Amino acid sequence: MSTFARSTVFKKTTGACLVFGVYVAVGHLVENYFGFRLQIDFSGMTLLGGVMSLLLVLRSNSAYARWWEGRQIWGQLVNDSRNLALKVMAFPNVPVEEKKRYIQWSVAFPFVLRDHLRCGIPQEDAVAELPEPVPDEISHIPAYISGKLFAQLKKWKDEGSLDRLEHHLMDQHVSALMDICGKCERIRNTPPPLSHRALIPQLLFIYLVITPLGVEATITNAVLGFALAYFLIGLEILAEELEEPFGTDSDDLPLDQISKNIKRSLDQIRTT
């Protein structure tokens, strides 16, 4: 519970609900001061609330699908990185130092991919994993690392250190790295349509503005209204967070931890 209380969704939702509570309190004070109350057909508002809940659920499911696809893609990166390292270490004709350097490039890949999806600039921990500095003119570092891995495979094949089958077994894992990068870029660069993202918050705003003004100001109605607003607003904010899964918020994918787990696995393979 304490972790959730520190999350971005909780903070944004609580702030929005406090603003909503102030609005309702001021609205009822104005109504009491002037001695009138809005007459609202609550059968229509109930229907609107049901439609609103359905739309928010659909939006949350759509956002979660993007988040879960990103998690599956990074799970594939874990598997391909491990398989790549295991196969490299199993080749008897490749010098050990070249194997370890090859695996080091593989260790650096998830770190630079993480930064590529976030800000495009490698952070200190990513730079520390690179076997050699990347030229300043290189803008797509994941592609640069994949190129290094492909070039080393070709060199080993030309030298006779790898036969045709061994080269093919390695090539498919290196190709998967850029496939993973492309899939992540597709998620990051293709947000949901603007109308889809804008219409539901507008409907939610109208619903929360109109509904409380026709309700009697009692403790029970206040508690129920605040709870309803909390969950409706929370679903909308949660959907916004999940739609961008590669960021640094508490509900985004734990790319830092996944990258460290890959490094831990590959370091163990390299030293055995």
Protein backbone atom coordinates (compact mmCIF):
# COMPACT_ATOMS: atom_id res chain seq x y z
CA MET A 1 0.00 0.00 0.00
CA SER A 2 2.85 2.38 0.79
CA THR A 3 4.33 1.74 -2.67
CA PHE A 4 1.01 2.54 -4.32
CA ALA A 5 0.72 5.72 -2.26
CA ARG A 6 3.97 6.91 -3.84
CA SER A 7 2.87 6.05 -7.37
CA THR A 8 2.13 8.67 -10.01
CA VAL A 9 -1.42 7.40 -10.52
CA PHE A 10 -2.30 7.75 -6.84
CA LYS A 11 -0.86 11.26 -6.60
CA LYS A 12 -2.60 12.50 -9.74
CA THR A 13 -5.90 10.84 -8.84
CA THR A 14 -5.87 12.19 -5.28
CA GLY A 15 -5.09 15.69 -6.53
CA ALA A 16 -7.89 15.57 -9.08
CA CYS A 17 -10.35 14.28 -6.47
CA LEU A 18 -9.43 17.09 -4.06
CA VAL A 19 -10.16 19.61 -6.81
CA PHE A 20 -13.43 17.79 -7.48
CA GLY A 21 -14.32 17.95 -3.77
CA VAL A 22 -13.66 21.70 -3.63
CA TYR A 23 -15.79 22.20 -6.73
CA VAL A 24 -18.72 20.26 -5.23
CA ALA A 25 -18.47 22.11 -1.92
CA VAL A 26 -18.43 25.50 -3.61
CA GLY A 27 -21.29 24.47 -5.90
CA HIS A 28 -23.51 23.49 -2.97
CA LEU A 29 -22.62 26.66 -1.08
CA VAL A 30 -23.71 28.70 -4.08
CA GLU A 31 -26.92 26.68 -4.38
CA ASN A 32 -27.73 27.17 -0.69
CA TYR A 33 -26.88 30.86 -0.82
CA PHE A 34 -29.25 31.54 -3.72
CA GLY A 35 -31.82 28.99 -2.54
CA PHE A 36 -32.11 26.90 -5.67
CA ARG A 37 -31.13 23.41 -6.80
CA LEU A 38 -30.66 22.01 -10.27
CA GLN A 39 -33.31 19.54 -11.34
CA ILE A 40 -31.55 16.65 -13.06
CA ASP A 41 -33.11 13.53 -14.52
CA PHE A 42 -31.01 10.91 -12.77
CA SER A 43 -32.26 8.10 -14.99
CA GLY A 44 -30.35 9.76 -17.82
CA MET A 45 -27.32 10.38 -15.62
CA THR A 46 -27.33 6.74 -14.52
CA LEU A 47 -27.32 5.66 -18.15
CA LEU A 48 -24.50 8.11 -18.90
CA GLY A 49 -22.56 6.75 -15.93
CA GLY A 50 -22.92 3.19 -17.23
CA VAL A 51 -21.71 4.22 -20.67
CA MET A 52 -18.84 6.14 -19.09
CA SER A 53 -17.77 3.10 -17.05
CA LEU A 54 -17.85 0.90 -20.15
CA LEU A 55 -15.75 3.36 -22.15
CA LEU A 56 -13.20 3.64 -19.35
CA VAL A 57 -12.91 -0.15 -19.10
CA LEU A 58 -12.36 -0.42 -22.86
CA ARG A 59 -9.76 2.34 -22.69
CA SER A 60 -7.98 0.66 -19.77
CA ASN A 61 -7.93 -2.67 -21.60
CA SER A 62 -6.50 -1.01 -24.70
CA ALA A 63 -3.79 0.72 -22.68
CA TYR A 64 -2.95 -2.47 -20.77
CA ALA A 65 -2.61 -4.35 -24.07
CA ARG A 66 0.13 -1.91 -25.09
CA TRP A 67 1.85 -2.31 -21.72
CA TRP A 68 1.65 -6.10 -21.85
CA GLU A 69 2.93 -6.23 -25.43
CA GLY A 70 5.95 -4.21 -24.32
CA ARG A 71 6.55 -6.65 -21.46
CA GLN A 72 6.37 -9.61 -23.83
CA ILE A 73 8.85 -7.96 -26.19
CA TRP A 74 11.34 -7.40 -23.38
CA GLY A 75 10.79 -10.96 -22.23
CA GLN A 76 11.83 -12.04 -25.72
CA LEU A 77 14.95 -9.87 -25.35
CA VAL A 78 15.85 -11.76 -22.16
CA ASN A 79 15.53 -15.11 -23.91
CA ASP A 80 17.44 -14.13 -27.06
CA SER A 81 20.24 -12.52 -25.07
CA ARG A 82 20.73 -15.65 -22.98
CA ASN A 83 20.59 -17.98 -25.99
CA LEU A 84 23.05 -15.79 -27.87
CA ALA A 85 25.55 -15.91 -25.00
CA LEU A 86 25.14 -19.64 -24.45
CA LYS A 87 25.77 -20.46 -28.10
CA VAL A 88 28.76 -18.13 -28.36
CA MET A 89 30.44 -19.76 -25.36
CA ALA A 90 29.82 -23.24 -26.85
CA PHE A 91 31.80 -22.61 -30.06
CA PRO A 92 35.20 -24.32 -29.66
CA ASN A 93 37.02 -22.58 -32.52
CA VAL A 94 36.39 -18.99 -31.36
CA PRO A 95 39.00 -17.41 -29.05
CA VAL A 96 37.77 -16.96 -25.49
CA GLU A 97 38.55 -13.25 -25.35
CA GLU A 98 36.56 -12.64 -28.52
CA LYS A 99 33.64 -14.58 -27.05
CA LYS A 100 33.65 -12.47 -23.90
CA ARG A 101 33.85 -9.23 -25.87
CA TYR A 102 30.96 -10.41 -28.05
CA ILE A 103 28.85 -11.10 -24.98
CA GLN A 104 29.76 -7.68 -23.58
CA TRP A 105 28.15 -6.06 -26.63
CA SER A 106 25.06 -8.17 -25.90
CA VAL A 107 25.09 -6.98 -22.28
CA ALA A 108 25.12 -3.36 -23.42
CA PHE A 109 22.21 -3.78 -25.85
CA PRO A 110 19.27 -3.74 -23.36
CA PHE A 111 20.73 -0.69 -21.57
CA VAL A 112 21.11 1.34 -24.76
CA LEU A 113 17.70 0.15 -26.01
CA ARG A 114 16.14 1.35 -22.75
CA ASP A 115 17.71 4.79 -23.15
CA HIS A 116 16.86 4.87 -26.86
CA LEU A 117 13.17 4.39 -26.01
CA ARG A 118 13.26 7.05 -23.29
CA CYS A 119 15.54 9.94 -24.19
CA GLY A 120 17.78 8.69 -26.99
CA ILE A 121 20.96 9.46 -25.04
CA PRO A 122 22.85 6.62 -23.27
CA GLN A 123 23.00 7.10 -19.51
CA GLU A 124 26.06 6.41 -17.37
CA ASP A 125 25.22 2.78 -16.65
CA ALA A 126 24.71 2.11 -20.37
CA VAL A 127 28.00 3.76 -21.33
CA ALA A 128 29.79 1.71 -18.66
CA GLU A 129 28.63 -1.54 -20.32
CA LEU A 130 29.90 -0.65 -23.81
CA PRO A 131 33.17 -2.42 -24.73
CA GLU A 132 34.30 0.69 -26.62
CA PRO A 133 33.01 4.25 -27.08
CA VAL A 134 30.33 4.79 -29.70
CA PRO A 135 31.18 7.39 -32.38
CA ASP A 136 29.47 10.73 -31.81
CA GLU A 137 27.78 10.68 -35.23
CA ILE A 138 25.86 7.49 -34.39
CA SER A 139 22.27 8.36 -33.46
CA HIS A 140 20.72 4.86 -33.39
CA ILE A 141 22.97 3.01 -30.96
CA PRO A 142 20.93 -0.25 -30.81
CA ALA A 143 21.39 -0.58 -34.58
CA TYR A 144 25.09 0.19 -34.18
CA ILE A 145 25.51 -2.62 -31.63
CA SER A 146 23.57 -5.05 -33.82
CA GLY A 147 25.86 -4.13 -36.69
CA LYS A 148 28.87 -4.90 -34.51
CA LEU A 149 27.43 -8.32 -33.65
CA PHE A 150 26.66 -9.10 -37.30
CA ALA A 151 30.14 -7.99 -38.40
CA GLN A 152 31.82 -10.20 -35.80
CA LEU A 153 29.77 -13.20 -36.92
CA LYS A 154 30.83 -12.61 -40.52
CA LYS A 155 34.47 -12.31 -39.47
CA TRP A 156 34.32 -15.62 -37.62
CA LYS A 157 32.63 -17.28 -40.59
CA ASP A 158 35.21 -15.92 -43.03
CA GLU A 159 38.02 -17.11 -40.75
CA GLY A 160 36.50 -20.59 -40.54
CA SER A 161 35.77 -20.34 -36.82
CA LEU A 162 32.07 -20.88 -37.53
CA ASP A 163 30.55 -23.23 -40.06
CA ARG A 164 27.43 -22.41 -42.01
CA LEU A 165 25.03 -23.96 -39.49
CA GLU A 166 26.65 -22.27 -36.50
CA HIS A 167 26.51 -18.92 -38.28
CA HIS A 168 22.81 -19.44 -38.99
CA LEU A 169 22.09 -20.34 -35.36
CA MET A 170 23.73 -17.11 -34.20
CA ASP A 171 22.31 -14.92 -36.95
CA GLN A 172 18.70 -15.54 -35.94
CA HIS A 173 19.30 -14.25 -32.41
CA VAL A 174 21.14 -11.14 -33.58
CA SER A 175 18.33 -10.45 -36.07
CA ALA A 176 15.85 -10.78 -33.20
CA LEU A 177 17.54 -7.86 -31.40
CA MET A 178 16.59 -5.40 -34.13
CA ASP A 179 13.14 -6.97 -34.43
CA ILE A 180 12.67 -6.27 -30.72
CA CYS A 181 13.89 -2.70 -31.15
CA GLY A 182 11.50 -2.13 -34.05
CA LYS A 183 8.52 -3.48 -32.11
CA CYS A 184 9.30 -1.20 -29.16
CA GLU A 185 9.65 1.80 -31.48
CA ARG A 186 6.27 0.97 -33.00
CA ILE A 187 4.61 1.09 -29.57
CA ARG A 188 6.41 4.29 -28.59
CA ASN A 189 5.82 6.11 -31.89
CA THR A 190 2.19 5.05 -32.41
CA PRO A 191 0.06 6.45 -29.59
CA PRO A 192 -3.70 5.83 -29.61
CA PRO A 193 -5.64 8.19 -31.90
CA LEU A 194 -6.12 11.69 -30.51
CA SER A 195 -9.92 11.45 -30.66
CA HIS A 196 -9.80 8.22 -28.68
CA ARG A 197 -7.64 9.84 -26.00
CA ALA A 198 -9.49 13.17 -25.86
CA LEU A 199 -13.17 12.20 -26.05
CA ILE A 200 -13.33 10.08 -22.88
CA PRO A 201 -11.71 12.70 -20.58
CA GLN A 202 -14.13 15.30 -21.96
CA LEU A 203 -17.14 13.08 -21.26
CA LEU A 204 -15.78 12.27 -17.82
CA PHE A 205 -15.32 15.97 -17.04
CA ILE A 206 -18.89 16.80 -18.10
CA TYR A 207 -20.28 13.88 -16.09
CA LEU A 208 -18.43 14.88 -12.91
CA VAL A 209 -19.35 18.55 -13.31
CA ILE A 210 -23.09 18.03 -13.79
CA THR A 211 -23.92 15.06 -11.57
CA PRO A 212 -23.07 16.41 -8.06
CA LEU A 213 -25.10 19.61 -8.43
CA GLY A 214 -28.41 17.80 -8.37
CA VAL A 215 -27.60 15.61 -5.38
CA GLU A 216 -28.53 16.47 -1.83
CA ALA A 217 -25.51 17.48 0.26
CA THR A 218 -25.30 14.68 2.83
CA ILE A 219 -22.36 12.79 4.30
CA THR A 220 -23.44 9.58 2.57
CA ASN A 221 -23.72 11.23 -0.85
CA ALA A 222 -20.38 12.96 -0.32
CA VAL A 223 -18.60 9.69 0.46
CA LEU A 224 -20.23 7.84 -2.44
CA GLY A 225 -19.56 10.71 -4.82
CA PHE A 226 -15.90 10.96 -3.81
CA ALA A 227 -15.46 7.18 -4.21
CA LEU A 228 -17.10 7.25 -7.65
CA ALA A 229 -14.93 10.17 -8.76
CA TYR A 230 -11.80 8.49 -7.40
CA PHE A 231 -12.28 5.30 -9.39
CA LEU A 232 -13.45 7.00 -12.61
CA ILE A 233 -10.59 9.50 -12.57
CA GLY A 234 -8.15 6.79 -11.48
CA LEU A 235 -9.07 4.56 -14.43
CA GLU A 236 -8.49 7.42 -16.85
CA ILE A 237 -5.12 8.39 -15.36
CA LEU A 238 -4.04 4.74 -15.18
CA ALA A 239 -4.85 4.31 -18.88
CA GLU A 240 -2.73 7.35 -19.70
CA GLU A 241 0.19 5.89 -17.76
CA LEU A 242 -0.03 2.42 -19.31
CA GLU A 243 -0.19 3.78 -22.86
CA GLU A 244 3.48 4.83 -22.56
CA PRO A 245 5.14 1.72 -21.06
CA PHE A 246 8.80 2.66 -21.55
CA GLY A 247 9.01 5.67 -19.23
CA THR A 248 10.26 6.00 -15.68
CA ASP A 249 6.98 6.24 -13.74
CA SER A 250 6.07 3.63 -11.16
CA ASP A 251 3.54 1.93 -13.47
CA ASP A 252 5.88 1.75 -16.47
CA LEU A 253 7.84 -1.35 -17.36
CA PRO A 254 10.83 -1.98 -15.04
CA LEU A 255 13.36 -1.66 -17.85
CA ASP A 256 16.20 -0.86 -15.43
CA GLN A 257 15.65 -4.10 -13.53
CA ILE A 258 15.18 -6.19 -16.67
CA SER A 259 18.43 -4.83 -18.12
CA LYS A 260 20.29 -5.63 -14.89
CA ASN A 261 18.83 -9.14 -14.87
CA ILE A 262 20.07 -9.71 -18.43
CA LYS A 263 23.51 -8.45 -17.44
CA ARG A 264 23.58 -10.76 -14.41
CA SER A 265 22.66 -13.79 -16.53
CA LEU A 266 25.16 -13.02 -19.28
CA ASP A 267 27.97 -12.31 -16.83
CA GLN A 268 27.36 -15.69 -15.25
CA ILE A 269 27.41 -17.41 -18.65
CA ARG A 270 30.60 -15.56 -19.61
CA THR A 271 32.48 -16.62 -16.49
CA THR A 272 31.53 -20.32 -16.52
